[in-house]
Amino acid sequence: MGSAPARVVPVRLNPELVMAVDERAADEGCNRSELVRRALRAYLT
């Protein structure tokens, strides 16, 4: 979705969601930001 330079977009997540994101990221071998990018791409396409 685009090749422009990335922007930082702050979002607020409750502690339980952060924990779930971090666990899934660890399972998939990526960091939190990459997992969120993947999830947003999947949701939006």
PDB file of N, CA and C in Angstrom:
ATOM      1  N   MET A   1       0.825  -1.194   0.000  1.00  0.00           N
ATOM      2  CA  MET A   1       0.000   0.000   0.000  1.00  0.00           C
ATOM      3  C   MET A   1       0.861   1.246   0.000  1.00  0.00           C
ATOM      4  N   GLY A   2       1.418   1.573  -1.100  1.00  0.00           N
ATOM      5  CA  GLY A   2       2.182   2.810  -1.192  1.00  0.00           C
ATOM      6  C   GLY A   2       3.642   2.611  -0.891  1.00  0.00           C
ATOM      7  N   SER A   3       4.442   3.512  -1.431  1.00  0.00           N
ATOM      8  CA  SER A   3       5.881   3.420  -1.205  1.00  0.00           C
ATOM      9  C   SER A   3       6.440   4.697  -0.607  1.00  0.00           C
ATOM     10  N   ALA A   4       5.560   5.580  -0.132  1.00  0.00           N
ATOM     11  CA  ALA A   4       6.009   6.823   0.503  1.00  0.00           C
ATOM     12  C   ALA A   4       6.693   6.494   1.829  1.00  0.00           C
ATOM     13  N   PRO A   5       7.526   7.415   2.317  1.00  0.00           N
ATOM     14  CA  PRO A   5       8.149   7.188   3.621  1.00  0.00           C
ATOM     15  C   PRO A   5       7.086   6.962   4.697  1.00  0.00           C
ATOM     16  N   ALA A   6       7.400   6.088   5.646  1.00  0.00           N
ATOM     17  CA  ALA A   6       6.461   5.762   6.713  1.00  0.00           C
ATOM     18  C   ALA A   6       6.294   6.933   7.671  1.00  0.00           C
ATOM     19  N   ARG A   7       5.092   7.043   8.222  1.00  0.00           N
ATOM     20  CA  ARG A   7       4.793   8.033   9.261  1.00  0.00           C
ATOM     21  C   ARG A   7       4.548   7.302  10.563  1.00  0.00           C
ATOM     22  N   VAL A   8       4.873   7.933  11.666  1.00  0.00           N
ATOM     23  CA  VAL A   8       4.565   7.397  12.986  1.00  0.00           C
ATOM     24  C   VAL A   8       3.147   7.828  13.325  1.00  0.00           C
ATOM     25  N   VAL A   9       2.303   6.848  13.684  1.00  0.00           N
ATOM     26  CA  VAL A   9       0.903   7.126  14.010  1.00  0.00           C
ATOM     27  C   VAL A   9       0.623   6.528  15.387  1.00  0.00           C
ATOM     28  N   PRO A  10       0.609   7.363  16.417  1.00  0.00           N
ATOM     29  CA  PRO A  10       0.366   6.842  17.767  1.00  0.00           C
ATOM     30  C   PRO A  10      -1.072   6.343  17.928  1.00  0.00           C
ATOM     31  N   VAL A  11      -1.215   5.201  18.557  1.00  0.00           N
ATOM     32  CA  VAL A  11      -2.533   4.671  18.909  1.00  0.00           C
ATOM     33  C   VAL A  11      -2.489   4.213  20.368  1.00  0.00           C
ATOM     34  N   ARG A  12      -3.642   4.194  20.998  1.00  0.00           N
ATOM     35  CA  ARG A  12      -3.733   3.724  22.382  1.00  0.00           C
ATOM     36  C   ARG A  12      -4.370   2.342  22.391  1.00  0.00           C
ATOM     37  N   LEU A  13      -3.722   1.425  23.107  1.00  0.00           N
ATOM     38  CA  LEU A  13      -4.219   0.064  23.249  1.00  0.00           C
ATOM     39  C   LEU A  13      -4.275  -0.282  24.727  1.00  0.00           C
ATOM     40  N   ASN A  14      -5.299  -1.049  25.111  1.00  0.00           N
ATOM     41  CA  ASN A  14      -5.346  -1.460  26.513  1.00  0.00           C
ATOM     42  C   ASN A  14      -4.279  -2.522  26.764  1.00  0.00           C
ATOM     43  N   PRO A  15      -3.902  -2.738  28.014  1.00  0.00           N
ATOM     44  CA  PRO A  15      -2.803  -3.663  28.319  1.00  0.00           C
ATOM     45  C   PRO A  15      -3.021  -5.076  27.788  1.00  0.00           C
ATOM     46  N   GLU A  16      -4.261  -5.555  27.818  1.00  0.00           N
ATOM     47  CA  GLU A  16      -4.534  -6.906  27.333  1.00  0.00           C
ATOM     48  C   GLU A  16      -4.266  -7.021  25.830  1.00  0.00           C
ATOM     49  N   LEU A  17      -4.641  -5.993  25.074  1.00  0.00           N
ATOM     50  CA  LEU A  17      -4.418  -6.011  23.633  1.00  0.00           C
ATOM     51  C   LEU A  17      -2.929  -5.921  23.315  1.00  0.00           C
ATOM     52  N   VAL A  18      -2.200  -5.107  24.046  1.00  0.00           N
ATOM     53  CA  VAL A  18      -0.744  -5.015  23.849  1.00  0.00           C
ATOM     54  C   VAL A  18      -0.095  -6.377  24.106  1.00  0.00           C
ATOM     55  N   MET A  19      -0.534  -7.052  25.146  1.00  0.00           N
ATOM     56  CA  MET A  19       0.026  -8.363  25.468  1.00  0.00           C
ATOM     57  C   MET A  19      -0.279  -9.357  24.350  1.00  0.00           C
ATOM     58  N   ALA A  20      -1.496  -9.345  23.837  1.00  0.00           N
ATOM     59  CA  ALA A  20      -1.866 -10.255  22.752  1.00  0.00           C
ATOM     60  C   ALA A  20      -1.065  -9.955  21.493  1.00  0.00           C
ATOM     61  N   VAL A  21      -0.891  -8.684  21.178  1.00  0.00           N
ATOM     62  CA  VAL A  21      -0.107  -8.286  20.003  1.00  0.00           C
ATOM     63  C   VAL A  21       1.342  -8.741  20.162  1.00  0.00           C
ATOM     64  N   ASP A  22       1.913  -8.497  21.317  1.00  0.00           N
ATOM     65  CA  ASP A  22       3.308  -8.883  21.546  1.00  0.00           C
ATOM     66  C   ASP A  22       3.492 -10.395  21.483  1.00  0.00           C
ATOM     67  N   GLU A  23       2.543 -11.155  22.015  1.00  0.00           N
ATOM     68  CA  GLU A  23       2.636 -12.615  21.957  1.00  0.00           C
ATOM     69  C   GLU A  23       2.564 -13.106  20.513  1.00  0.00           C
ATOM     70  N   ARG A  24       1.635 -12.549  19.751  1.00  0.00           N
ATOM     71  CA  ARG A  24       1.502 -12.973  18.347  1.00  0.00           C
ATOM     72  C   ARG A  24       2.743 -12.579  17.551  1.00  0.00           C
ATOM     73  N   ALA A  25       3.262 -11.372  17.812  1.00  0.00           N
ATOM     74  CA  ALA A  25       4.467 -10.928  17.111  1.00  0.00           C
ATOM     75  C   ALA A  25       5.628 -11.876  17.402  1.00  0.00           C
ATOM     76  N   ALA A  26       5.767 -12.279  18.653  1.00  0.00           N
ATOM     77  CA  ALA A  26       6.837 -13.218  19.006  1.00  0.00           C
ATOM     78  C   ALA A  26       6.640 -14.551  18.291  1.00  0.00           C
ATOM     79  N   ASP A  27       5.390 -15.025  18.248  1.00  0.00           N
ATOM     80  CA  ASP A  27       5.096 -16.289  17.555  1.00  0.00           C
ATOM     81  C   ASP A  27       5.439 -16.217  16.071  1.00  0.00           C
ATOM     82  N   GLU A  28       5.208 -15.050  15.466  1.00  0.00           N
ATOM     83  CA  GLU A  28       5.437 -14.890  14.028  1.00  0.00           C
ATOM     84  C   GLU A  28       6.845 -14.390  13.699  1.00  0.00           C
ATOM     85  N   GLY A  29       7.640 -14.102  14.728  1.00  0.00           N
ATOM     86  CA  GLY A  29       9.015 -13.676  14.504  1.00  0.00           C
ATOM     87  C   GLY A  29       9.155 -12.268  13.954  1.00  0.00           C
ATOM     88  N   CYS A  30       8.236 -11.394  14.359  1.00  0.00           N
ATOM     89  CA  CYS A  30       8.325 -10.000  13.921  1.00  0.00           C
ATOM     90  C   CYS A  30       8.122  -9.092  15.131  1.00  0.00           C
ATOM     91  N   ASN A  31       8.250  -7.798  14.914  1.00  0.00           N
ATOM     92  CA  ASN A  31       8.030  -6.878  16.023  1.00  0.00           C
ATOM     93  C   ASN A  31       6.587  -6.373  16.025  1.00  0.00           C
ATOM     94  N   ARG A  32       6.234  -5.655  17.047  1.00  0.00           N
ATOM     95  CA  ARG A  32       4.873  -5.146  17.224  1.00  0.00           C
ATOM     96  C   ARG A  32       4.425  -4.306  16.040  1.00  0.00           C
ATOM     97  N   SER A  33       5.269  -3.413  15.578  1.00  0.00           N
ATOM     98  CA  SER A  33       4.888  -2.530  14.466  1.00  0.00           C
ATOM     99  C   SER A  33       4.596  -3.315  13.202  1.00  0.00           C
ATOM    100  N   GLU A  34       5.445  -4.286  12.890  1.00  0.00           N
ATOM    101  CA  GLU A  34       5.226  -5.085  11.685  1.00  0.00           C
ATOM    102  C   GLU A  34       3.934  -5.880  11.790  1.00  0.00           C
ATOM    103  N   LEU A  35       3.652  -6.430  12.949  1.00  0.00           N
ATOM    104  CA  LEU A  35       2.411  -7.189  13.110  1.00  0.00           C
ATOM    105  C   LEU A  35       1.198  -6.283  12.899  1.00  0.00           C
ATOM    106  N   VAL A  36       1.226  -5.083  13.447  1.00  0.00           N
ATOM    107  CA  VAL A  36       0.104  -4.152  13.276  1.00  0.00           C
ATOM    108  C   VAL A  36      -0.035  -3.755  11.812  1.00  0.00           C
ATOM    109  N   ARG A  37       1.087  -3.507  11.118  1.00  0.00           N
ATOM    110  CA  ARG A  37       1.012  -3.199   9.689  1.00  0.00           C
ATOM    111  C   ARG A  37       0.380  -4.341   8.910  1.00  0.00           C
ATOM    112  N   ARG A  38       0.800  -5.571   9.201  1.00  0.00           N
ATOM    113  CA  ARG A  38       0.228  -6.737   8.516  1.00  0.00           C
ATOM    114  C   ARG A  38      -1.275  -6.839   8.781  1.00  0.00           C
ATOM    115  N   ALA A  39      -1.661  -6.648  10.027  1.00  0.00           N
ATOM    116  CA  ALA A  39      -3.084  -6.750  10.384  1.00  0.00           C
ATOM    117  C   ALA A  39      -3.904  -5.677   9.687  1.00  0.00           C
ATOM    118  N   LEU A  40      -3.388  -4.466   9.633  1.00  0.00           N
ATOM    119  CA  LEU A  40      -4.115  -3.378   8.964  1.00  0.00           C
ATOM    120  C   LEU A  40      -4.219  -3.634   7.471  1.00  0.00           C
ATOM    121  N   ARG A  41      -3.132  -4.113   6.856  1.00  0.00           N
ATOM    122  CA  ARG A  41      -3.199  -4.434   5.415  1.00  0.00           C
ATOM    123  C   ARG A  41      -4.258  -5.506   5.159  1.00  0.00           C
ATOM    124  N   ALA A  42      -4.279  -6.549   5.972  1.00  0.00           N
ATOM    125  CA  ALA A  42      -5.248  -7.626   5.785  1.00  0.00           C
ATOM    126  C   ALA A  42      -6.677  -7.115   5.978  1.00  0.00           C
ATOM    127  N   TYR A  43      -6.867  -6.263   6.933  1.00  0.00           N
ATOM    128  CA  TYR A  43      -8.200  -5.726   7.223  1.00  0.00           C
ATOM    129  C   TYR A  43      -8.686  -4.794   6.109  1.00  0.00           C
ATOM    130  N   LEU A  44      -7.771  -4.033   5.549  1.00  0.00           N
ATOM    131  CA  LEU A  44      -8.139  -3.003   4.570  1.00  0.00           C
ATOM    132  C   LEU A  44      -8.164  -3.490   3.131  1.00  0.00           C
ATOM    133  N   THR A  45      -7.694  -4.703   2.872  1.00  0.00           N
ATOM    134  CA  THR A  45      -7.706  -5.198   1.484  1.00  0.00           C
ATOM    135  C   THR A  45      -8.640  -6.369   1.324  1.00  0.00           C
TER     136      THR A  45
END
